[in-house]
Amino acid sequence: MTKNIKGKAALGAAAIGSAAIAAALLYASKRKEKKAETPVPPSGENPETD
């Protein structure tokens, strides 16, 4: 019976670990997309700089 419980615990831990990794990858990719966006001037014209 202890083997069965250990196997289930290991399976549960693996599932939780893989879900955490997937969530971290999604979070990192969304942050990267946000960072890549350049802000557009409200008027739509190119900003004049010195």
PDB file of N, CA and C in Angstrom:
ATOM      1  N   MET A   1       0.826  -1.194   0.000  1.00  0.00           N
ATOM      2  CA  MET A   1       0.000   0.000   0.000  1.00  0.00           C
ATOM      3  C   MET A   1       0.868   1.256   0.000  1.00  0.00           C
ATOM      4  N   THR A   2       2.009   1.261   0.641  1.00  0.00           N
ATOM      5  CA  THR A   2       2.848   2.447   0.672  1.00  0.00           C
ATOM      6  C   THR A   2       3.412   2.757  -0.696  1.00  0.00           C
ATOM      7  N   LYS A   3       3.674   1.718  -1.492  1.00  0.00           N
ATOM      8  CA  LYS A   3       4.162   1.958  -2.854  1.00  0.00           C
ATOM      9  C   LYS A   3       3.126   2.725  -3.663  1.00  0.00           C
ATOM     10  N   ASN A   4       1.889   2.343  -3.511  1.00  0.00           N
ATOM     11  CA  ASN A   4       0.803   2.983  -4.260  1.00  0.00           C
ATOM     12  C   ASN A   4       0.679   4.459  -3.874  1.00  0.00           C
ATOM     13  N   ILE A   5       0.782   4.759  -2.590  1.00  0.00           N
ATOM     14  CA  ILE A   5       0.679   6.141  -2.112  1.00  0.00           C
ATOM     15  C   ILE A   5       1.872   6.957  -2.608  1.00  0.00           C
ATOM     16  N   LYS A   6       3.066   6.392  -2.555  1.00  0.00           N
ATOM     17  CA  LYS A   6       4.254   7.099  -3.024  1.00  0.00           C
ATOM     18  C   LYS A   6       4.162   7.385  -4.514  1.00  0.00           C
ATOM     19  N   GLY A   7       3.659   6.434  -5.257  1.00  0.00           N
ATOM     20  CA  GLY A   7       3.509   6.623  -6.704  1.00  0.00           C
ATOM     21  C   GLY A   7       2.531   7.749  -7.014  1.00  0.00           C
ATOM     22  N   LYS A   8       1.424   7.779  -6.295  1.00  0.00           N
ATOM     23  CA  LYS A   8       0.428   8.843  -6.505  1.00  0.00           C
ATOM     24  C   LYS A   8       0.996  10.201  -6.108  1.00  0.00           C
ATOM     25  N   ALA A   9       1.759  10.220  -5.016  1.00  0.00           N
ATOM     26  CA  ALA A   9       2.362  11.473  -4.563  1.00  0.00           C
ATOM     27  C   ALA A   9       3.379  11.975  -5.587  1.00  0.00           C
ATOM     28  N   ALA A  10       4.163  11.061  -6.137  1.00  0.00           N
ATOM     29  CA  ALA A  10       5.153  11.446  -7.139  1.00  0.00           C
ATOM     30  C   ALA A  10       4.453  11.960  -8.395  1.00  0.00           C
ATOM     31  N   LEU A  11       3.379  11.301  -8.776  1.00  0.00           N
ATOM     32  CA  LEU A  11       2.622  11.724  -9.960  1.00  0.00           C
ATOM     33  C   LEU A  11       2.005  13.110  -9.738  1.00  0.00           C
ATOM     34  N   GLY A  12       1.474  13.328  -8.545  1.00  0.00           N
ATOM     35  CA  GLY A  12       0.892  14.629  -8.217  1.00  0.00           C
ATOM     36  C   GLY A  12       1.944  15.724  -8.203  1.00  0.00           C
ATOM     37  N   ALA A  13       3.104  15.417  -7.651  1.00  0.00           N
ATOM     38  CA  ALA A  13       4.187  16.400  -7.605  1.00  0.00           C
ATOM     39  C   ALA A  13       4.667  16.738  -9.014  1.00  0.00           C
ATOM     40  N   ALA A  14       4.736  15.739  -9.873  1.00  0.00           N
ATOM     41  CA  ALA A  14       5.154  15.980 -11.254  1.00  0.00           C
ATOM     42  C   ALA A  14       4.141  16.848 -11.979  1.00  0.00           C
ATOM     43  N   ALA A  15       2.865  16.609 -11.740  1.00  0.00           N
ATOM     44  CA  ALA A  15       1.821  17.400 -12.385  1.00  0.00           C
ATOM     45  C   ALA A  15       1.873  18.857 -11.918  1.00  0.00           C
ATOM     46  N   ILE A  16       2.056  19.046 -10.628  1.00  0.00           N
ATOM     47  CA  ILE A  16       2.140  20.402 -10.081  1.00  0.00           C
ATOM     48  C   ILE A  16       3.388  21.109 -10.606  1.00  0.00           C
ATOM     49  N   GLY A  17       4.497  20.396 -10.645  1.00  0.00           N
ATOM     50  CA  GLY A  17       5.744  20.986 -11.136  1.00  0.00           C
ATOM     51  C   GLY A  17       5.649  21.390 -12.593  1.00  0.00           C
ATOM     52  N   SER A  18       5.046  20.532 -13.416  1.00  0.00           N
ATOM     53  CA  SER A  18       4.944  20.867 -14.837  1.00  0.00           C
ATOM     54  C   SER A  18       3.972  22.030 -15.055  1.00  0.00           C
ATOM     55  N   ALA A  19       2.938  22.107 -14.241  1.00  0.00           N
ATOM     56  CA  ALA A  19       2.004  23.231 -14.356  1.00  0.00           C
ATOM     57  C   ALA A  19       2.692  24.537 -13.959  1.00  0.00           C
ATOM     58  N   ALA A  20       3.549  24.488 -12.950  1.00  0.00           N
ATOM     59  CA  ALA A  20       4.275  25.689 -12.521  1.00  0.00           C
ATOM     60  C   ALA A  20       5.242  26.141 -13.603  1.00  0.00           C
ATOM     61  N   ILE A  21       5.902  25.191 -14.246  1.00  0.00           N
ATOM     62  CA  ILE A  21       6.832  25.547 -15.328  1.00  0.00           C
ATOM     63  C   ILE A  21       6.073  26.161 -16.500  1.00  0.00           C
ATOM     64  N   ALA A  22       4.935  25.581 -16.852  1.00  0.00           N
ATOM     65  CA  ALA A  22       4.138  26.114 -17.952  1.00  0.00           C
ATOM     66  C   ALA A  22       3.661  27.535 -17.646  1.00  0.00           C
ATOM     67  N   ALA A  23       3.229  27.765 -16.414  1.00  0.00           N
ATOM     68  CA  ALA A  23       2.769  29.098 -16.022  1.00  0.00           C
ATOM     69  C   ALA A  23       3.914  30.105 -16.082  1.00  0.00           C
ATOM     70  N   ALA A  24       5.099  29.697 -15.648  1.00  0.00           N
ATOM     71  CA  ALA A  24       6.252  30.596 -15.681  1.00  0.00           C
ATOM     72  C   ALA A  24       6.630  30.945 -17.119  1.00  0.00           C
ATOM     73  N   LEU A  25       6.576  29.982 -18.011  1.00  0.00           N
ATOM     74  CA  LEU A  25       6.904  30.245 -19.411  1.00  0.00           C
ATOM     75  C   LEU A  25       5.883  31.189 -20.040  1.00  0.00           C
ATOM     76  N   LEU A  26       4.613  30.987 -19.740  1.00  0.00           N
ATOM     77  CA  LEU A  26       3.581  31.881 -20.282  1.00  0.00           C
ATOM     78  C   LEU A  26       3.772  33.298 -19.768  1.00  0.00           C
ATOM     79  N   TYR A  27       4.064  33.437 -18.476  1.00  0.00           N
ATOM     80  CA  TYR A  27       4.273  34.753 -17.877  1.00  0.00           C
ATOM     81  C   TYR A  27       5.466  35.450 -18.514  1.00  0.00           C
ATOM     82  N   ALA A  28       6.551  34.710 -18.703  1.00  0.00           N
ATOM     83  CA  ALA A  28       7.756  35.301 -19.286  1.00  0.00           C
ATOM     84  C   ALA A  28       7.516  35.730 -20.723  1.00  0.00           C
ATOM     85  N   SER A  29       6.791  34.937 -21.489  1.00  0.00           N
ATOM     86  CA  SER A  29       6.545  35.294 -22.891  1.00  0.00           C
ATOM     87  C   SER A  29       5.637  36.513 -22.992  1.00  0.00           C
ATOM     88  N   LYS A  30       4.670  36.638 -22.090  1.00  0.00           N
ATOM     89  CA  LYS A  30       3.795  37.813 -22.124  1.00  0.00           C
ATOM     90  C   LYS A  30       4.566  39.076 -21.752  1.00  0.00           C
ATOM     91  N   ARG A  31       5.475  38.975 -20.781  1.00  0.00           N
ATOM     92  CA  ARG A  31       6.281  40.135 -20.391  1.00  0.00           C
ATOM     93  C   ARG A  31       7.167  40.567 -21.551  1.00  0.00           C
ATOM     94  N   LYS A  32       7.704  39.604 -22.280  1.00  0.00           N
ATOM     95  CA  LYS A  32       8.591  39.899 -23.402  1.00  0.00           C
ATOM     96  C   LYS A  32       7.811  40.618 -24.501  1.00  0.00           C
ATOM     97  N   GLU A  33       6.571  40.163 -24.772  1.00  0.00           N
ATOM     98  CA  GLU A  33       5.731  40.807 -25.796  1.00  0.00           C
ATOM     99  C   GLU A  33       5.416  42.242 -25.401  1.00  0.00           C
ATOM    100  N   LYS A  34       5.085  42.466 -24.143  1.00  0.00           N
ATOM    101  CA  LYS A  34       4.761  43.806 -23.670  1.00  0.00           C
ATOM    102  C   LYS A  34       5.954  44.740 -23.817  1.00  0.00           C
ATOM    103  N   LYS A  35       7.120  44.237 -23.484  1.00  0.00           N
ATOM    104  CA  LYS A  35       8.322  45.044 -23.524  1.00  0.00           C
ATOM    105  C   LYS A  35       8.672  45.436 -24.957  1.00  0.00           C
ATOM    106  N   ALA A  36       8.377  44.576 -25.916  1.00  0.00           N
ATOM    107  CA  ALA A  36       8.742  44.810 -27.308  1.00  0.00           C
ATOM    108  C   ALA A  36       7.871  45.892 -27.954  1.00  0.00           C
ATOM    109  N   GLU A  37       6.681  46.102 -27.419  1.00  0.00           N
ATOM    110  CA  GLU A  37       5.789  47.114 -27.996  1.00  0.00           C
ATOM    111  C   GLU A  37       6.356  48.511 -27.770  1.00  0.00           C
ATOM    112  N   THR A  38       6.331  49.325 -28.821  1.00  0.00           N
ATOM    113  CA  THR A  38       6.770  50.707 -28.670  1.00  0.00           C
ATOM    114  C   THR A  38       5.540  51.589 -28.544  1.00  0.00           C
ATOM    115  N   PRO A  39       5.567  52.556 -27.667  1.00  0.00           N
ATOM    116  CA  PRO A  39       4.403  53.418 -27.494  1.00  0.00           C
ATOM    117  C   PRO A  39       4.174  54.287 -28.736  1.00  0.00           C
ATOM    118  N   VAL A  40       2.934  54.401 -29.133  1.00  0.00           N
ATOM    119  CA  VAL A  40       2.575  55.198 -30.303  1.00  0.00           C
ATOM    120  C   VAL A  40       2.147  56.578 -29.819  1.00  0.00           C
ATOM    121  N   PRO A  41       2.647  57.647 -30.444  1.00  0.00           N
ATOM    122  CA  PRO A  41       2.213  58.994 -30.048  1.00  0.00           C
ATOM    123  C   PRO A  41       0.700  59.129 -30.244  1.00  0.00           C
ATOM    124  N   PRO A  42       0.035  59.874 -29.380  1.00  0.00           N
ATOM    125  CA  PRO A  42      -1.420  59.994 -29.466  1.00  0.00           C
ATOM    126  C   PRO A  42      -1.899  60.551 -30.813  1.00  0.00           C
ATOM    127  N   SER A  43      -1.151  61.454 -31.419  1.00  0.00           N
ATOM    128  CA  SER A  43      -1.604  62.042 -32.675  1.00  0.00           C
ATOM    129  C   SER A  43      -1.325  61.141 -33.865  1.00  0.00           C
ATOM    130  N   GLY A  44      -0.471  60.148 -33.688  1.00  0.00           N
ATOM    131  CA  GLY A  44      -0.121  59.250 -34.774  1.00  0.00           C
ATOM    132  C   GLY A  44       1.069  59.750 -35.582  1.00  0.00           C
ATOM    133  N   GLU A  45       1.550  60.965 -35.259  1.00  0.00           N
ATOM    134  CA  GLU A  45       2.703  61.521 -35.979  1.00  0.00           C
ATOM    135  C   GLU A  45       3.985  61.135 -35.254  1.00  0.00           C
ATOM    136  N   ASN A  46       5.093  61.193 -35.976  1.00  0.00           N
ATOM    137  CA  ASN A  46       6.378  60.917 -35.365  1.00  0.00           C
ATOM    138  C   ASN A  46       6.728  62.045 -34.396  1.00  0.00           C
ATOM    139  N   PRO A  47       7.232  61.705 -33.215  1.00  0.00           N
ATOM    140  CA  PRO A  47       7.589  62.751 -32.252  1.00  0.00           C
ATOM    141  C   PRO A  47       8.853  63.488 -32.721  1.00  0.00           C
ATOM    142  N   GLU A  48       8.830  64.784 -32.555  1.00  0.00           N
ATOM    143  CA  GLU A  48       9.995  65.595 -32.941  1.00  0.00           C
ATOM    144  C   GLU A  48      10.917  65.725 -31.737  1.00  0.00           C
ATOM    145  N   THR A  49      12.158  65.345 -31.914  1.00  0.00           N
ATOM    146  CA  THR A  49      13.149  65.447 -30.843  1.00  0.00           C
ATOM    147  C   THR A  49      14.332  66.253 -31.298  1.00  0.00           C
ATOM    148  N   ASP A  50      15.065  66.811 -30.346  1.00  0.00           N
ATOM    149  CA  ASP A  50      16.249  67.599 -30.682  1.00  0.00           C
ATOM    150  C   ASP A  50      17.430  66.708 -30.938  1.00  0.00           C
TER     151      ASP A  50
END
